[in-house]
N, C-alpha and C. Protein backbone atom coordinates (compact mmCIF):
# COMPACT_ATOMS: atom_id res chain seq x y z
N UNK A 1 -1.40 44.71 17.54
CA UNK A 1 -1.45 43.57 18.45
C UNK A 1 -2.11 42.36 17.77
N UNK A 2 -3.21 42.62 17.07
CA UNK A 2 -3.91 41.54 16.40
C UNK A 2 -3.02 40.91 15.33
N UNK A 3 -2.28 41.75 14.59
CA UNK A 3 -1.36 41.26 13.57
C UNK A 3 -0.29 40.35 14.19
N UNK A 4 0.22 40.70 15.34
CA UNK A 4 1.25 39.92 16.02
C UNK A 4 0.71 38.54 16.41
N UNK A 5 -0.52 38.49 16.90
CA UNK A 5 -1.13 37.20 17.27
C UNK A 5 -1.29 36.31 16.03
N UNK A 6 -1.74 36.89 14.94
CA UNK A 6 -1.91 36.13 13.71
C UNK A 6 -0.56 35.63 13.22
N UNK A 7 0.45 36.49 13.26
CA UNK A 7 1.79 36.12 12.81
C UNK A 7 2.36 34.98 13.65
N UNK A 8 2.25 35.08 14.96
CA UNK A 8 2.76 34.03 15.85
C UNK A 8 2.01 32.72 15.63
N UNK A 9 0.70 32.81 15.44
CA UNK A 9 -0.11 31.61 15.18
C UNK A 9 0.30 30.96 13.87
N UNK A 10 0.55 31.77 12.85
CA UNK A 10 0.97 31.23 11.56
C UNK A 10 2.33 30.54 11.67
N UNK A 11 3.26 31.13 12.36
CA UNK A 11 4.58 30.52 12.58
C UNK A 11 4.42 29.20 13.32
N UNK A 12 3.60 29.17 14.34
CA UNK A 12 3.37 27.95 15.11
C UNK A 12 2.81 26.84 14.23
N UNK A 13 1.86 27.14 13.39
CA UNK A 13 1.27 26.16 12.48
C UNK A 13 2.32 25.64 11.50
N UNK A 14 3.13 26.52 10.96
CA UNK A 14 4.17 26.10 10.02
C UNK A 14 5.20 25.20 10.69
N UNK A 15 5.56 25.51 11.91
CA UNK A 15 6.52 24.67 12.64
C UNK A 15 5.93 23.29 12.88
N UNK A 16 4.68 23.22 13.29
CA UNK A 16 4.03 21.93 13.51
C UNK A 16 3.92 21.13 12.21
N UNK A 17 3.61 21.79 11.12
CA UNK A 17 3.49 21.09 9.84
C UNK A 17 4.84 20.54 9.40
N UNK A 18 5.91 21.27 9.64
CA UNK A 18 7.24 20.81 9.27
C UNK A 18 7.73 19.65 10.10
N UNK A 19 7.29 19.55 11.33
CA UNK A 19 7.73 18.47 12.22
C UNK A 19 7.20 17.11 11.80
N UNK A 20 6.14 17.07 11.05
CA UNK A 20 5.52 15.81 10.68
C UNK A 20 6.20 15.09 9.53
N UNK A 21 7.30 15.65 9.00
CA UNK A 21 7.94 15.02 7.85
C UNK A 21 8.87 13.89 8.24
N UNK A 22 9.30 13.83 9.49
CA UNK A 22 10.16 12.72 9.91
C UNK A 22 9.43 11.84 10.91
N UNK A 23 9.69 10.55 10.81
CA UNK A 23 9.05 9.55 11.66
C UNK A 23 10.10 8.52 12.04
N UNK A 24 9.83 7.71 13.05
CA UNK A 24 10.74 6.60 13.34
C UNK A 24 10.83 5.64 12.15
N UNK A 25 12.03 5.13 11.90
CA UNK A 25 12.23 4.19 10.80
C UNK A 25 11.39 2.94 11.04
N UNK A 26 10.63 2.57 10.02
CA UNK A 26 9.76 1.40 10.13
C UNK A 26 10.48 0.17 9.56
N UNK A 27 10.76 -0.78 10.41
CA UNK A 27 11.25 -2.08 9.98
C UNK A 27 10.09 -3.06 10.08
N UNK A 28 9.93 -3.89 9.09
CA UNK A 28 8.91 -4.94 9.10
C UNK A 28 9.64 -6.22 9.46
N UNK A 29 9.36 -6.76 10.64
CA UNK A 29 10.12 -7.90 11.12
C UNK A 29 9.27 -9.16 11.25
N UNK A 30 9.81 -10.24 10.72
CA UNK A 30 9.23 -11.58 10.85
C UNK A 30 7.76 -11.64 10.47
N UNK A 31 7.45 -11.11 9.30
CA UNK A 31 6.09 -11.23 8.78
C UNK A 31 5.88 -12.67 8.34
N UNK A 32 4.87 -13.34 8.88
CA UNK A 32 4.68 -14.75 8.52
C UNK A 32 4.20 -14.91 7.08
N UNK A 33 4.70 -15.96 6.44
CA UNK A 33 4.19 -16.37 5.14
C UNK A 33 3.07 -17.35 5.46
N UNK A 34 1.84 -16.93 5.21
CA UNK A 34 0.68 -17.67 5.68
C UNK A 34 0.31 -18.87 4.80
N UNK A 35 1.17 -19.22 3.89
CA UNK A 35 0.89 -20.32 2.98
C UNK A 35 2.07 -21.27 2.96
N UNK A 36 1.83 -22.46 2.45
CA UNK A 36 2.88 -23.47 2.34
C UNK A 36 3.60 -23.28 1.01
N UNK A 37 4.63 -22.43 1.02
CA UNK A 37 5.39 -22.14 -0.18
C UNK A 37 6.84 -22.57 -0.01
N UNK A 38 7.51 -22.71 -1.13
CA UNK A 38 8.95 -22.97 -1.11
C UNK A 38 9.69 -21.64 -1.00
N UNK A 39 10.91 -21.73 -0.54
CA UNK A 39 11.71 -20.52 -0.34
C UNK A 39 11.89 -19.74 -1.65
N UNK A 40 12.07 -20.44 -2.76
CA UNK A 40 12.26 -19.75 -4.04
C UNK A 40 10.99 -19.00 -4.47
N UNK A 41 9.81 -19.50 -4.07
CA UNK A 41 8.57 -18.80 -4.38
C UNK A 41 8.46 -17.51 -3.57
N UNK A 42 8.89 -17.55 -2.31
CA UNK A 42 8.88 -16.34 -1.48
C UNK A 42 9.86 -15.33 -2.07
N UNK A 43 11.02 -15.80 -2.48
CA UNK A 43 12.02 -14.93 -3.10
C UNK A 43 11.45 -14.26 -4.35
N UNK A 44 10.78 -15.01 -5.19
CA UNK A 44 10.20 -14.43 -6.41
C UNK A 44 9.10 -13.43 -6.09
N UNK A 45 8.32 -13.70 -5.05
CA UNK A 45 7.28 -12.74 -4.64
C UNK A 45 7.93 -11.42 -4.21
N UNK A 46 9.03 -11.51 -3.48
CA UNK A 46 9.74 -10.31 -3.02
C UNK A 46 10.29 -9.55 -4.22
N UNK A 47 10.98 -10.24 -5.11
CA UNK A 47 11.60 -9.58 -6.26
C UNK A 47 10.55 -8.99 -7.20
N UNK A 48 9.51 -9.75 -7.51
CA UNK A 48 8.45 -9.25 -8.40
C UNK A 48 7.76 -8.01 -7.82
N UNK A 49 7.46 -8.06 -6.53
CA UNK A 49 6.81 -6.93 -5.87
C UNK A 49 7.72 -5.70 -5.86
N UNK A 50 8.98 -5.92 -5.56
CA UNK A 50 9.94 -4.81 -5.51
C UNK A 50 10.10 -4.15 -6.87
N UNK A 51 10.29 -4.95 -7.89
CA UNK A 51 10.49 -4.41 -9.23
C UNK A 51 9.27 -3.65 -9.70
N UNK A 52 8.08 -4.17 -9.42
CA UNK A 52 6.86 -3.48 -9.85
C UNK A 52 6.66 -2.16 -9.10
N UNK A 53 7.28 -2.00 -7.94
CA UNK A 53 7.21 -0.75 -7.17
C UNK A 53 8.37 0.20 -7.46
N UNK A 54 9.29 -0.21 -8.34
CA UNK A 54 10.39 0.67 -8.70
C UNK A 54 11.68 0.44 -7.93
N UNK A 55 11.71 -0.59 -7.09
CA UNK A 55 12.94 -0.93 -6.38
C UNK A 55 13.87 -1.67 -7.35
N UNK A 56 15.17 -1.51 -7.15
CA UNK A 56 16.18 -2.20 -7.96
C UNK A 56 16.83 -3.28 -7.10
N UNK A 57 16.95 -4.47 -7.65
CA UNK A 57 17.58 -5.58 -6.93
C UNK A 57 19.10 -5.41 -7.04
N UNK A 58 19.76 -5.19 -5.89
CA UNK A 58 21.22 -5.07 -5.88
C UNK A 58 21.88 -6.42 -5.70
N UNK A 59 21.31 -7.26 -4.82
CA UNK A 59 21.82 -8.61 -4.57
C UNK A 59 20.64 -9.51 -4.29
N UNK A 60 20.70 -10.72 -4.80
CA UNK A 60 19.67 -11.71 -4.51
C UNK A 60 20.39 -12.99 -4.12
N UNK A 61 20.45 -13.27 -2.83
CA UNK A 61 21.12 -14.46 -2.32
C UNK A 61 20.08 -15.48 -1.88
N UNK A 62 20.55 -16.60 -1.36
CA UNK A 62 19.63 -17.69 -1.02
C UNK A 62 18.75 -17.38 0.18
N UNK A 63 19.13 -16.44 1.04
CA UNK A 63 18.32 -16.12 2.22
C UNK A 63 18.00 -14.64 2.35
N UNK A 64 18.44 -13.82 1.39
CA UNK A 64 18.27 -12.38 1.55
C UNK A 64 18.34 -11.68 0.19
N UNK A 65 17.52 -10.64 0.07
CA UNK A 65 17.54 -9.79 -1.12
C UNK A 65 17.86 -8.37 -0.65
N UNK A 66 18.77 -7.70 -1.35
CA UNK A 66 19.07 -6.30 -1.05
C UNK A 66 18.48 -5.45 -2.15
N UNK A 67 17.72 -4.43 -1.76
CA UNK A 67 16.99 -3.60 -2.71
C UNK A 67 17.37 -2.14 -2.53
N UNK A 68 17.24 -1.37 -3.62
CA UNK A 68 17.52 0.06 -3.58
C UNK A 68 16.40 0.79 -4.30
N UNK A 69 15.99 1.91 -3.73
CA UNK A 69 14.93 2.73 -4.33
C UNK A 69 15.46 4.14 -4.50
N UNK A 70 15.25 4.70 -5.69
CA UNK A 70 15.68 6.08 -5.94
C UNK A 70 14.51 6.89 -6.45
N UNK A 71 14.33 8.07 -5.84
CA UNK A 71 13.31 9.02 -6.28
C UNK A 71 13.96 10.39 -6.29
N UNK A 72 14.17 10.92 -7.47
CA UNK A 72 14.88 12.19 -7.65
C UNK A 72 16.25 12.11 -6.97
N UNK A 73 16.49 12.90 -5.94
CA UNK A 73 17.80 12.88 -5.26
C UNK A 73 17.78 12.02 -3.99
N UNK A 74 16.70 11.30 -3.76
CA UNK A 74 16.55 10.49 -2.56
C UNK A 74 16.87 9.03 -2.87
N UNK A 75 17.52 8.37 -1.93
CA UNK A 75 17.86 6.96 -2.14
C UNK A 75 17.73 6.20 -0.83
N UNK A 76 17.16 5.00 -0.91
CA UNK A 76 17.02 4.13 0.27
C UNK A 76 17.49 2.73 -0.12
N UNK A 77 18.20 2.10 0.82
CA UNK A 77 18.65 0.72 0.64
C UNK A 77 18.10 -0.11 1.80
N UNK A 78 17.55 -1.28 1.46
CA UNK A 78 16.98 -2.18 2.47
C UNK A 78 17.47 -3.60 2.23
N UNK A 79 17.37 -4.41 3.29
CA UNK A 79 17.62 -5.85 3.21
C UNK A 79 16.30 -6.55 3.45
N UNK A 80 16.06 -7.63 2.71
CA UNK A 80 14.85 -8.42 2.91
C UNK A 80 15.26 -9.87 3.14
N UNK A 81 15.56 -10.23 4.40
CA UNK A 81 15.83 -11.64 4.69
C UNK A 81 14.52 -12.43 4.63
N UNK A 82 14.60 -13.68 4.16
CA UNK A 82 13.37 -14.45 4.00
C UNK A 82 13.65 -15.94 4.17
N UNK A 83 12.57 -16.65 4.42
CA UNK A 83 12.57 -18.12 4.43
C UNK A 83 11.21 -18.54 3.90
N UNK A 84 10.91 -19.82 3.95
CA UNK A 84 9.58 -20.26 3.52
C UNK A 84 8.51 -19.91 4.54
N UNK A 85 8.91 -19.48 5.74
CA UNK A 85 7.95 -19.18 6.81
C UNK A 85 7.82 -17.69 7.15
N UNK A 86 8.88 -16.90 6.94
CA UNK A 86 8.88 -15.49 7.34
C UNK A 86 9.66 -14.64 6.35
N UNK A 87 9.39 -13.33 6.36
CA UNK A 87 10.25 -12.36 5.69
C UNK A 87 10.25 -11.07 6.51
N UNK A 88 11.31 -10.30 6.36
CA UNK A 88 11.45 -9.01 7.05
C UNK A 88 11.90 -7.97 6.04
N UNK A 89 11.66 -6.70 6.35
CA UNK A 89 12.17 -5.59 5.54
C UNK A 89 12.92 -4.69 6.51
N UNK A 90 14.24 -4.59 6.33
CA UNK A 90 15.10 -3.90 7.28
C UNK A 90 15.87 -2.76 6.62
N UNK A 91 15.88 -1.62 7.28
CA UNK A 91 16.61 -0.44 6.81
C UNK A 91 18.11 -0.71 6.80
N UNK A 92 18.79 -0.29 5.74
CA UNK A 92 20.25 -0.37 5.67
C UNK A 92 20.85 1.03 5.65
N UNK A 93 20.44 1.85 4.67
CA UNK A 93 20.99 3.19 4.56
C UNK A 93 20.08 4.05 3.69
N UNK A 94 20.38 5.35 3.69
CA UNK A 94 19.61 6.26 2.85
C UNK A 94 20.43 7.52 2.58
N UNK A 95 20.00 8.24 1.55
CA UNK A 95 20.59 9.53 1.21
C UNK A 95 19.47 10.53 1.00
N UNK A 96 19.62 11.71 1.57
CA UNK A 96 18.67 12.82 1.41
C UNK A 96 17.27 12.48 1.92
N UNK A 97 17.17 11.64 2.94
CA UNK A 97 15.87 11.30 3.52
C UNK A 97 15.78 11.70 5.00
N UNK A 98 16.62 12.62 5.41
CA UNK A 98 16.60 13.17 6.76
C UNK A 98 16.79 12.12 7.85
N UNK A 99 17.51 11.04 7.53
CA UNK A 99 17.77 10.01 8.54
C UNK A 99 18.71 10.59 9.60
N UNK A 100 18.44 10.25 10.86
CA UNK A 100 19.29 10.76 11.94
C UNK A 100 19.68 9.64 12.90
N UNK A 101 20.52 9.96 13.83
CA UNK A 101 21.04 8.98 14.79
C UNK A 101 19.96 8.49 15.75
N UNK A 102 18.86 9.19 15.86
CA UNK A 102 17.76 8.79 16.75
C UNK A 102 16.85 7.75 16.10
N UNK A 103 17.14 7.39 14.85
CA UNK A 103 16.32 6.39 14.17
C UNK A 103 15.11 6.98 13.46
N UNK A 104 15.18 8.25 13.11
CA UNK A 104 14.09 8.89 12.38
C UNK A 104 14.47 9.05 10.91
N UNK A 105 13.46 9.13 10.07
CA UNK A 105 13.66 9.26 8.63
C UNK A 105 12.44 9.96 8.03
N UNK A 106 12.58 10.47 6.83
CA UNK A 106 11.46 11.12 6.14
C UNK A 106 10.31 10.12 6.00
N UNK A 107 9.10 10.61 6.17
CA UNK A 107 7.92 9.73 6.15
C UNK A 107 7.74 8.99 4.83
N UNK A 108 8.28 9.52 3.74
CA UNK A 108 8.15 8.83 2.45
C UNK A 108 8.81 7.46 2.48
N UNK A 109 9.92 7.33 3.20
CA UNK A 109 10.58 6.02 3.31
C UNK A 109 9.62 5.00 3.90
N UNK A 110 8.95 5.36 4.99
CA UNK A 110 8.00 4.44 5.62
C UNK A 110 6.85 4.08 4.68
N UNK A 111 6.43 5.03 3.87
CA UNK A 111 5.37 4.76 2.90
C UNK A 111 5.85 3.77 1.86
N UNK A 112 7.09 3.95 1.38
CA UNK A 112 7.65 3.03 0.39
C UNK A 112 7.75 1.62 0.95
N UNK A 113 8.22 1.50 2.19
CA UNK A 113 8.36 0.19 2.82
C UNK A 113 6.99 -0.45 3.06
N UNK A 114 6.04 0.32 3.52
CA UNK A 114 4.70 -0.21 3.75
C UNK A 114 4.08 -0.70 2.45
N UNK A 115 4.21 0.07 1.38
CA UNK A 115 3.67 -0.35 0.09
C UNK A 115 4.32 -1.65 -0.39
N UNK A 116 5.64 -1.75 -0.21
CA UNK A 116 6.35 -2.96 -0.59
C UNK A 116 5.87 -4.15 0.22
N UNK A 117 5.71 -3.97 1.51
CA UNK A 117 5.22 -5.04 2.39
C UNK A 117 3.85 -5.54 1.94
N UNK A 118 2.95 -4.63 1.68
CA UNK A 118 1.60 -5.01 1.23
C UNK A 118 1.67 -5.76 -0.09
N UNK A 119 2.48 -5.27 -1.01
CA UNK A 119 2.59 -5.92 -2.32
C UNK A 119 3.19 -7.32 -2.21
N UNK A 120 4.20 -7.50 -1.34
CA UNK A 120 4.79 -8.83 -1.15
C UNK A 120 3.73 -9.79 -0.63
N UNK A 121 2.95 -9.36 0.36
CA UNK A 121 1.92 -10.23 0.91
C UNK A 121 0.87 -10.58 -0.13
N UNK A 122 0.49 -9.62 -0.97
CA UNK A 122 -0.46 -9.90 -2.05
C UNK A 122 0.12 -10.91 -3.04
N UNK A 123 1.37 -10.70 -3.41
CA UNK A 123 2.01 -11.59 -4.38
C UNK A 123 2.15 -13.01 -3.83
N UNK A 124 2.47 -13.12 -2.54
CA UNK A 124 2.55 -14.44 -1.90
C UNK A 124 1.18 -15.14 -1.97
N UNK A 125 0.14 -14.38 -1.73
CA UNK A 125 -1.21 -14.92 -1.80
C UNK A 125 -1.55 -15.39 -3.22
N UNK A 126 -1.19 -14.61 -4.21
CA UNK A 126 -1.45 -14.98 -5.60
C UNK A 126 -0.70 -16.26 -5.97
N UNK A 127 0.57 -16.33 -5.58
CA UNK A 127 1.37 -17.52 -5.88
C UNK A 127 0.77 -18.75 -5.20
N UNK A 128 0.38 -18.61 -3.95
CA UNK A 128 -0.17 -19.74 -3.19
C UNK A 128 -1.48 -20.22 -3.80
N UNK A 129 -2.29 -19.31 -4.28
CA UNK A 129 -3.60 -19.69 -4.81
C UNK A 129 -3.56 -20.09 -6.28
N UNK A 130 -2.40 -19.95 -6.92
CA UNK A 130 -2.29 -20.38 -8.32
C UNK A 130 -1.76 -21.81 -8.44
N UNK A 131 -1.36 -22.38 -7.32
CA UNK A 131 -0.83 -23.76 -7.33
C UNK A 131 -1.94 -24.78 -7.25
């Protein structure tokens, strides 16, 4: 009987641990650019931050950058629309990241996006303070 309780408890813990790998997809929307910068400076902050984090620039247009990140067999694609006042980081697609129709994805994707967001804001600050 004691063995059965331990076994059931262990299964319960493993199920709970496995459930934490997927989270709602994190989109970063309309993050303000807190400095008086030109649009090309915001674009360079996005591209420099992305490249230093291992993202690959697929397209760089006048109002949007499309980025791709690959880690082993996992791949994520995002759009980063921007202006001199705001930027966003929006999910486009992914492979092998447990994305589902409910808007959930592997937690690593959210970590990658959060790190990119923080780096872009730091780079914007550096650019603004170097002028």
